[in-house]
Amino acid sequence: MMMKKNLGRQKVEMVKMTNESHLLVTFSKRRAGLFKKASELSTLCVAEVVIVVFSPGKKVYTFGHPSVDAVFNVII
């Protein structure tokens, strides 16, 4: 029987991060990934997409395809 050389992908327990700088870095990386997925979804499915994200620092980040205003104008 052959042994694995590494443990592979591990499940991470979901707990609130206490280190503020780690929290902000993780948020920005996940935000970038989320916006990339939304862009892929809008391209592949010819869909209009809007994402509004609030950061731990109380800033608002938006992504929209074709634009945030264009999609909101259709909804309203």
Protein backbone atom coordinates (compact mmCIF):
# COMPACT_ATOMS: atom_id res chain seq x y z
CA MET A 1 0.00 0.00 0.00
CA MET A 2 1.32 3.44 -0.96
CA MET A 3 1.34 6.30 1.58
CA LYS A 4 0.28 9.84 0.68
CA LYS A 5 3.09 12.41 0.70
CA ASN A 6 0.89 15.30 1.79
CA LEU A 7 -2.39 15.77 3.59
CA GLY A 8 -4.10 17.50 0.67
CA ARG A 9 -6.82 20.02 1.17
CA GLN A 10 -7.99 20.25 4.78
CA LYS A 11 -11.28 21.52 6.14
CA VAL A 12 -10.88 24.76 8.08
CA GLU A 13 -13.11 25.37 11.09
CA MET A 14 -15.30 28.47 10.70
CA VAL A 15 -14.43 30.81 13.58
CA LYS A 16 -14.20 34.60 13.73
CA MET A 17 -10.68 35.84 13.06
CA THR A 18 -9.19 37.81 15.94
CA ASN A 19 -6.17 39.29 14.16
CA GLU A 20 -7.38 42.47 12.41
CA SER A 21 -4.68 42.51 9.72
CA HIS A 22 -5.30 38.84 8.81
CA LEU A 23 -9.03 39.58 8.66
CA LEU A 24 -8.56 42.45 6.20
CA VAL A 25 -6.16 40.48 3.99
CA THR A 26 -8.52 37.49 3.89
CA PHE A 27 -11.46 39.77 3.09
CA SER A 28 -9.67 41.42 0.17
CA LYS A 29 -8.58 38.06 -1.29
CA ARG A 30 -12.06 36.58 -1.00
CA ARG A 31 -13.62 39.75 -2.43
CA ALA A 32 -11.35 39.52 -5.46
CA GLY A 33 -12.30 35.86 -5.94
CA LEU A 34 -15.99 36.62 -5.59
CA PHE A 35 -15.83 39.43 -8.15
CA LYS A 36 -13.91 37.17 -10.55
CA LYS A 37 -16.58 34.45 -10.24
CA ALA A 38 -19.32 37.03 -10.86
CA SER A 39 -17.49 38.21 -13.97
CA GLU A 40 -17.21 34.62 -15.24
CA LEU A 41 -20.90 34.01 -14.53
CA SER A 42 -21.96 37.12 -16.42
CA THR A 43 -19.74 36.22 -19.38
CA LEU A 44 -20.64 32.55 -19.63
CA CYS A 45 -24.37 32.90 -18.97
CA VAL A 46 -24.91 36.33 -20.55
CA ALA A 47 -26.35 37.50 -17.25
CA GLU A 48 -26.48 40.88 -15.57
CA VAL A 49 -24.80 40.68 -12.18
CA VAL A 50 -24.46 43.07 -9.24
CA ILE A 51 -22.59 42.35 -6.02
CA VAL A 52 -22.47 44.72 -3.06
CA VAL A 53 -19.99 43.81 -0.30
CA PHE A 54 -19.42 45.58 3.02
CA SER A 55 -15.90 45.24 4.44
CA PRO A 56 -15.01 44.80 8.11
CA GLY A 57 -13.71 48.38 7.91
CA LYS A 58 -17.24 49.60 6.95
CA LYS A 59 -16.32 50.32 3.31
CA VAL A 60 -18.64 49.38 0.44
CA TYR A 61 -17.34 47.54 -2.62
CA THR A 62 -19.47 46.92 -5.69
CA PHE A 63 -19.17 44.92 -8.88
CA GLY A 64 -21.61 45.04 -11.75
CA HIS A 65 -21.79 43.79 -15.29
CA PRO A 66 -22.35 45.69 -17.54
CA SER A 67 -22.28 48.26 -14.70
CA VAL A 68 -23.80 48.60 -11.26
CA ASP A 69 -25.98 51.55 -12.33
CA ALA A 70 -27.21 49.82 -15.48
CA VAL A 71 -28.35 46.72 -13.60
CA PHE A 72 -29.97 48.71 -10.77
CA ASN A 73 -31.87 50.86 -13.29
CA VAL A 74 -33.37 47.67 -14.80
CA ILE A 75 -34.39 46.36 -11.36
CA ILE A 76 -35.99 49.62 -10.22
